[in-house]
N, C-alpha and C. Protein backbone atom coordinates (compact mmCIF):
# COMPACT_ATOMS: atom_id res chain seq x y z
N MET A 1 -30.58 -30.26 46.97
CA MET A 1 -30.92 -29.63 45.72
C MET A 1 -29.79 -29.86 44.73
N GLU A 2 -30.14 -30.21 43.55
CA GLU A 2 -29.17 -30.53 42.51
C GLU A 2 -29.06 -29.35 41.55
N ALA A 3 -27.84 -28.91 41.25
CA ALA A 3 -27.63 -27.79 40.32
C ALA A 3 -27.34 -28.33 38.92
N ILE A 4 -27.92 -27.70 37.95
CA ILE A 4 -27.66 -28.07 36.56
C ILE A 4 -26.79 -26.97 35.95
N VAL A 5 -25.68 -27.39 35.40
CA VAL A 5 -24.75 -26.46 34.78
C VAL A 5 -24.73 -26.70 33.28
N TYR A 6 -24.93 -25.64 32.52
CA TYR A 6 -24.86 -25.74 31.07
C TYR A 6 -23.55 -25.12 30.61
N ILE A 7 -22.86 -25.84 29.79
CA ILE A 7 -21.59 -25.36 29.27
C ILE A 7 -21.73 -25.18 27.76
N THR A 8 -21.35 -24.02 27.31
CA THR A 8 -21.35 -23.76 25.86
C THR A 8 -19.91 -23.88 25.38
N LEU A 9 -19.74 -24.72 24.42
CA LEU A 9 -18.41 -24.96 23.88
C LEU A 9 -18.32 -24.33 22.49
N HIS A 10 -17.35 -23.46 22.33
CA HIS A 10 -17.10 -22.82 21.04
C HIS A 10 -15.85 -23.45 20.45
N VAL A 11 -16.01 -23.96 19.26
CA VAL A 11 -14.88 -24.56 18.58
C VAL A 11 -14.53 -23.67 17.39
N PHE A 12 -13.28 -23.26 17.34
CA PHE A 12 -12.82 -22.45 16.23
C PHE A 12 -11.83 -23.26 15.42
N LEU A 13 -12.10 -23.34 14.15
CA LEU A 13 -11.23 -24.07 13.26
C LEU A 13 -10.39 -23.03 12.52
N TYR A 14 -9.11 -23.01 12.82
CA TYR A 14 -8.22 -22.08 12.18
C TYR A 14 -7.52 -22.76 11.02
N LEU A 15 -7.61 -22.12 9.88
CA LEU A 15 -7.00 -22.63 8.67
C LEU A 15 -6.18 -21.51 8.05
N VAL A 16 -5.77 -21.71 6.83
CA VAL A 16 -5.06 -20.67 6.09
C VAL A 16 -6.06 -19.92 5.21
N PRO A 17 -5.73 -18.72 4.77
CA PRO A 17 -6.63 -17.99 3.89
C PRO A 17 -6.89 -18.77 2.58
N THR A 18 -8.15 -18.80 2.18
CA THR A 18 -8.52 -19.56 0.98
C THR A 18 -8.58 -18.69 -0.27
N LYS A 19 -8.36 -17.39 -0.13
CA LYS A 19 -8.25 -16.48 -1.27
C LYS A 19 -7.05 -15.58 -1.06
N PRO A 20 -6.49 -15.11 -2.16
CA PRO A 20 -5.36 -14.16 -2.04
C PRO A 20 -5.85 -12.77 -1.67
N PRO A 21 -4.92 -11.87 -1.36
CA PRO A 21 -5.30 -10.49 -1.12
C PRO A 21 -6.03 -9.91 -2.34
N ASP A 22 -6.96 -9.00 -2.10
CA ASP A 22 -7.73 -8.35 -3.17
C ASP A 22 -6.92 -7.26 -3.86
N ASN A 23 -7.32 -6.95 -5.09
CA ASN A 23 -6.88 -5.75 -5.81
C ASN A 23 -5.37 -5.57 -5.89
N ILE A 24 -4.65 -6.58 -6.29
CA ILE A 24 -3.20 -6.46 -6.46
C ILE A 24 -2.93 -5.61 -7.69
N ASP A 25 -2.05 -4.60 -7.53
CA ASP A 25 -1.81 -3.64 -8.60
C ASP A 25 -0.35 -3.18 -8.56
N ALA A 26 0.19 -2.83 -9.72
CA ALA A 26 1.55 -2.31 -9.81
C ALA A 26 1.50 -0.95 -10.49
N THR A 27 2.23 0.02 -9.93
CA THR A 27 2.36 1.34 -10.53
C THR A 27 3.86 1.59 -10.75
N ILE A 28 4.22 1.78 -12.02
CA ILE A 28 5.62 2.00 -12.36
C ILE A 28 5.89 3.50 -12.30
N LEU A 29 6.78 3.88 -11.39
CA LEU A 29 7.15 5.28 -11.21
C LEU A 29 8.59 5.48 -11.67
N GLU A 30 9.10 6.68 -11.57
CA GLU A 30 10.43 6.99 -12.13
C GLU A 30 11.55 6.20 -11.47
N THR A 31 11.54 6.06 -10.15
CA THR A 31 12.67 5.41 -9.49
C THR A 31 12.32 4.11 -8.77
N PHE A 32 11.06 3.71 -8.82
CA PHE A 32 10.66 2.46 -8.18
C PHE A 32 9.32 2.01 -8.72
N VAL A 33 8.94 0.78 -8.38
CA VAL A 33 7.63 0.26 -8.71
C VAL A 33 6.89 0.04 -7.40
N GLU A 34 5.69 0.58 -7.30
CA GLU A 34 4.87 0.41 -6.10
C GLU A 34 3.88 -0.71 -6.34
N ILE A 35 3.92 -1.72 -5.48
CA ILE A 35 2.97 -2.82 -5.52
C ILE A 35 1.99 -2.59 -4.37
N ARG A 36 0.70 -2.62 -4.70
CA ARG A 36 -0.35 -2.43 -3.68
C ARG A 36 -1.31 -3.60 -3.70
N TRP A 37 -1.92 -3.85 -2.56
CA TRP A 37 -2.92 -4.89 -2.46
C TRP A 37 -3.90 -4.55 -1.36
N GLY A 38 -5.04 -5.22 -1.38
CA GLY A 38 -6.06 -5.02 -0.34
C GLY A 38 -6.08 -6.21 0.60
N GLU A 39 -7.01 -6.19 1.51
CA GLU A 39 -7.14 -7.29 2.46
C GLU A 39 -7.69 -8.54 1.79
N VAL A 40 -7.51 -9.65 2.43
CA VAL A 40 -8.14 -10.89 2.01
C VAL A 40 -9.63 -10.74 2.34
N PRO A 41 -10.54 -11.13 1.44
CA PRO A 41 -11.96 -11.03 1.77
C PRO A 41 -12.27 -11.67 3.11
N LYS A 42 -13.10 -10.99 3.90
CA LYS A 42 -13.36 -11.40 5.29
C LYS A 42 -13.74 -12.88 5.44
N GLY A 43 -14.61 -13.39 4.58
CA GLY A 43 -15.04 -14.78 4.68
C GLY A 43 -13.99 -15.79 4.28
N SER A 44 -12.87 -15.32 3.76
CA SER A 44 -11.81 -16.24 3.29
C SER A 44 -10.56 -16.18 4.15
N ARG A 45 -10.58 -15.43 5.23
CA ARG A 45 -9.36 -15.26 6.08
C ARG A 45 -9.06 -16.50 6.91
N ASN A 46 -10.07 -17.11 7.45
CA ASN A 46 -9.90 -18.33 8.27
C ASN A 46 -8.93 -18.13 9.44
N GLY A 47 -9.08 -17.05 10.12
CA GLY A 47 -8.24 -16.75 11.27
C GLY A 47 -7.68 -15.34 11.13
N GLU A 48 -6.85 -14.97 12.06
CA GLU A 48 -6.25 -13.63 12.06
C GLU A 48 -5.11 -13.58 11.05
N ILE A 49 -5.16 -12.59 10.16
CA ILE A 49 -4.07 -12.39 9.19
C ILE A 49 -2.91 -11.76 9.96
N LEU A 50 -1.78 -12.43 9.94
CA LEU A 50 -0.59 -11.92 10.66
C LEU A 50 0.27 -11.05 9.76
N GLY A 51 0.23 -11.29 8.46
CA GLY A 51 1.04 -10.49 7.56
C GLY A 51 0.93 -10.99 6.14
N TYR A 52 1.81 -10.42 5.30
CA TYR A 52 1.82 -10.73 3.87
C TYR A 52 3.24 -11.06 3.44
N ARG A 53 3.35 -12.07 2.58
CA ARG A 53 4.64 -12.44 2.00
C ARG A 53 4.61 -12.05 0.52
N ILE A 54 5.64 -11.29 0.14
CA ILE A 54 5.76 -10.83 -1.23
C ILE A 54 7.03 -11.42 -1.83
N THR A 55 6.92 -12.12 -2.93
CA THR A 55 8.06 -12.71 -3.62
C THR A 55 8.06 -12.18 -5.04
N TYR A 56 9.25 -11.79 -5.52
CA TYR A 56 9.32 -11.31 -6.90
C TYR A 56 10.61 -11.78 -7.56
N TYR A 57 10.52 -11.93 -8.88
CA TYR A 57 11.70 -12.32 -9.64
C TYR A 57 11.60 -11.77 -11.06
N GLN A 58 12.76 -11.62 -11.68
CA GLN A 58 12.84 -11.15 -13.04
C GLN A 58 12.63 -12.32 -13.99
N GLU A 59 11.80 -12.14 -15.02
CA GLU A 59 11.53 -13.22 -15.96
C GLU A 59 12.84 -13.70 -16.60
N GLY A 60 12.98 -15.00 -16.70
CA GLY A 60 14.19 -15.59 -17.26
C GLY A 60 15.33 -15.71 -16.26
N ASN A 61 15.10 -15.30 -15.02
CA ASN A 61 16.15 -15.33 -14.00
C ASN A 61 15.55 -15.74 -12.67
N LYS A 62 14.98 -16.93 -12.60
CA LYS A 62 14.33 -17.38 -11.37
C LYS A 62 15.32 -17.62 -10.23
N THR A 63 16.61 -17.68 -10.54
CA THR A 63 17.58 -17.84 -9.46
C THR A 63 17.71 -16.56 -8.64
N TYR A 64 17.38 -15.42 -9.26
CA TYR A 64 17.35 -14.16 -8.53
C TYR A 64 15.93 -13.93 -8.08
N GLN A 65 15.66 -14.33 -6.88
CA GLN A 65 14.32 -14.22 -6.32
C GLN A 65 14.43 -13.53 -4.98
N ARG A 66 13.61 -12.55 -4.74
CA ARG A 66 13.64 -11.84 -3.46
C ARG A 66 12.29 -11.99 -2.80
N SER A 67 12.33 -12.03 -1.47
CA SER A 67 11.09 -12.13 -0.69
C SER A 67 11.12 -11.12 0.44
N GLU A 68 9.97 -10.58 0.75
CA GLU A 68 9.82 -9.69 1.88
C GLU A 68 8.53 -10.03 2.60
N THR A 69 8.50 -9.71 3.87
CA THR A 69 7.30 -9.92 4.69
C THR A 69 6.87 -8.58 5.25
N LYS A 70 5.58 -8.32 5.18
CA LYS A 70 5.00 -7.09 5.72
C LYS A 70 3.97 -7.44 6.78
N PRO A 71 3.80 -6.59 7.80
CA PRO A 71 2.79 -6.84 8.83
C PRO A 71 1.37 -6.77 8.27
N HIS A 72 0.44 -7.21 9.05
CA HIS A 72 -0.97 -7.31 8.64
C HIS A 72 -1.61 -5.99 8.24
N ASP A 73 -1.05 -4.87 8.70
CA ASP A 73 -1.65 -3.57 8.40
C ASP A 73 -0.88 -2.78 7.34
N PHE A 74 0.01 -3.43 6.59
CA PHE A 74 0.71 -2.81 5.47
C PHE A 74 0.14 -3.37 4.18
N PHE A 75 -0.08 -2.49 3.19
CA PHE A 75 -0.71 -2.94 1.96
C PHE A 75 0.04 -2.43 0.72
N SER A 76 1.34 -2.18 0.88
CA SER A 76 2.13 -1.78 -0.28
C SER A 76 3.61 -2.04 -0.01
N ILE A 77 4.36 -2.07 -1.13
CA ILE A 77 5.80 -2.25 -1.04
C ILE A 77 6.40 -1.52 -2.24
N HIS A 78 7.58 -0.94 -2.06
CA HIS A 78 8.30 -0.27 -3.14
C HIS A 78 9.46 -1.16 -3.57
N LEU A 79 9.52 -1.48 -4.85
CA LEU A 79 10.61 -2.28 -5.40
C LEU A 79 11.56 -1.34 -6.12
N LYS A 80 12.83 -1.37 -5.71
CA LYS A 80 13.84 -0.47 -6.30
C LYS A 80 14.94 -1.29 -6.95
N SER A 81 15.77 -0.60 -7.70
CA SER A 81 16.95 -1.20 -8.35
C SER A 81 16.56 -2.36 -9.27
N LEU A 82 15.49 -2.16 -10.01
CA LEU A 82 15.06 -3.20 -10.95
C LEU A 82 15.75 -2.99 -12.29
N GLY A 83 15.90 -4.05 -13.04
CA GLY A 83 16.52 -3.96 -14.36
C GLY A 83 15.64 -3.21 -15.36
N LYS A 84 16.28 -2.52 -16.29
CA LYS A 84 15.54 -1.80 -17.33
C LYS A 84 15.01 -2.78 -18.37
N PHE A 85 13.86 -2.44 -18.94
CA PHE A 85 13.23 -3.25 -20.00
C PHE A 85 13.11 -4.72 -19.59
N SER A 86 12.72 -4.95 -18.33
CA SER A 86 12.64 -6.32 -17.80
C SER A 86 11.21 -6.60 -17.31
N LYS A 87 10.80 -7.83 -17.49
CA LYS A 87 9.50 -8.25 -16.98
C LYS A 87 9.70 -8.90 -15.63
N TYR A 88 8.87 -8.52 -14.66
CA TYR A 88 8.94 -9.05 -13.30
C TYR A 88 7.62 -9.72 -12.94
N HIS A 89 7.72 -10.77 -12.16
CA HIS A 89 6.54 -11.49 -11.68
C HIS A 89 6.50 -11.36 -10.16
N ILE A 90 5.34 -11.02 -9.65
CA ILE A 90 5.12 -10.81 -8.21
C ILE A 90 4.12 -11.82 -7.71
N LYS A 91 4.40 -12.40 -6.55
CA LYS A 91 3.45 -13.28 -5.87
C LYS A 91 3.22 -12.71 -4.48
N ILE A 92 1.95 -12.59 -4.11
CA ILE A 92 1.60 -12.06 -2.79
C ILE A 92 0.61 -13.02 -2.13
N LEU A 93 0.84 -13.29 -0.86
CA LEU A 93 -0.08 -14.12 -0.09
C LEU A 93 -0.20 -13.60 1.31
N ALA A 94 -1.30 -13.89 1.94
CA ALA A 94 -1.49 -13.58 3.36
C ALA A 94 -1.26 -14.86 4.15
N TYR A 95 -0.85 -14.71 5.40
CA TYR A 95 -0.64 -15.90 6.23
C TYR A 95 -1.26 -15.70 7.63
N THR A 96 -1.66 -16.83 8.19
CA THR A 96 -2.17 -16.89 9.57
C THR A 96 -1.16 -17.68 10.39
N ARG A 97 -1.49 -17.93 11.64
CA ARG A 97 -0.56 -18.69 12.49
C ARG A 97 -0.44 -20.14 12.03
N ILE A 98 -1.38 -20.61 11.23
CA ILE A 98 -1.35 -21.98 10.73
C ILE A 98 -0.47 -22.09 9.50
N GLY A 99 -0.44 -21.05 8.65
CA GLY A 99 0.42 -21.13 7.47
C GLY A 99 0.02 -20.15 6.38
N ASP A 100 0.60 -20.36 5.19
CA ASP A 100 0.41 -19.48 4.05
C ASP A 100 -0.89 -19.77 3.32
N GLY A 101 -1.51 -18.69 2.84
CA GLY A 101 -2.75 -18.80 2.09
C GLY A 101 -2.52 -18.85 0.59
N LYS A 102 -3.60 -18.68 -0.16
CA LYS A 102 -3.57 -18.71 -1.63
C LYS A 102 -2.74 -17.53 -2.15
N VAL A 103 -2.05 -17.78 -3.25
CA VAL A 103 -1.17 -16.79 -3.86
C VAL A 103 -1.92 -15.98 -4.92
N GLY A 104 -1.70 -14.66 -4.90
CA GLY A 104 -2.15 -13.78 -5.95
C GLY A 104 -0.95 -13.36 -6.79
N ASN A 105 -1.13 -13.20 -8.10
CA ASN A 105 -0.03 -12.89 -8.99
C ASN A 105 -0.28 -11.63 -9.77
N ILE A 106 0.82 -10.95 -10.12
CA ILE A 106 0.78 -9.81 -11.01
C ILE A 106 2.15 -9.75 -11.70
N SER A 107 2.15 -9.23 -12.93
CA SER A 107 3.40 -9.06 -13.67
C SER A 107 3.44 -7.63 -14.23
N PHE A 108 4.64 -7.13 -14.44
CA PHE A 108 4.81 -5.82 -15.06
C PHE A 108 6.15 -5.77 -15.78
N LYS A 109 6.30 -4.81 -16.65
CA LYS A 109 7.54 -4.64 -17.41
C LYS A 109 8.08 -3.24 -17.14
N THR A 110 9.35 -3.16 -16.79
CA THR A 110 9.97 -1.88 -16.57
C THR A 110 10.38 -1.25 -17.90
N SER A 111 10.65 0.04 -17.85
CA SER A 111 11.11 0.75 -19.04
C SER A 111 12.52 1.28 -18.81
N ASP A 112 12.95 2.17 -19.64
CA ASP A 112 14.28 2.78 -19.52
C ASP A 112 14.34 3.69 -18.29
N ASP A 113 13.18 4.22 -17.84
CA ASP A 113 13.15 5.13 -16.72
C ASP A 113 13.27 4.46 -15.36
N SER A 114 13.02 3.14 -15.29
CA SER A 114 13.05 2.43 -14.01
C SER A 114 14.50 2.27 -13.58
N LYS A 115 14.76 2.63 -12.34
CA LYS A 115 16.15 2.56 -11.83
C LYS A 115 16.17 1.70 -10.58
């Protein structure tokens, strides 16, 4: 008697996220600026999101650039010690094990109260 074996092959193509995190927003508070974001839309993740990379710099001073990485389940960061009356640019992206995804951007301007 001859046995017939059927094998189902699942192929997963892992890529980087094709969209940035949703709903990027900045709230300027008295002693810091809170940056918040949502998840990458489900159909655009292309694999497991491992975390988020946040890069920010003061306008006119690109040599002063800071970067932080947050785990996949964090959706905010507090920026402190920012210059007064300064415009800042923020870039946020999600990454998978393959690499970095699309960048989302937001800008804000601090006032005299930002420390």
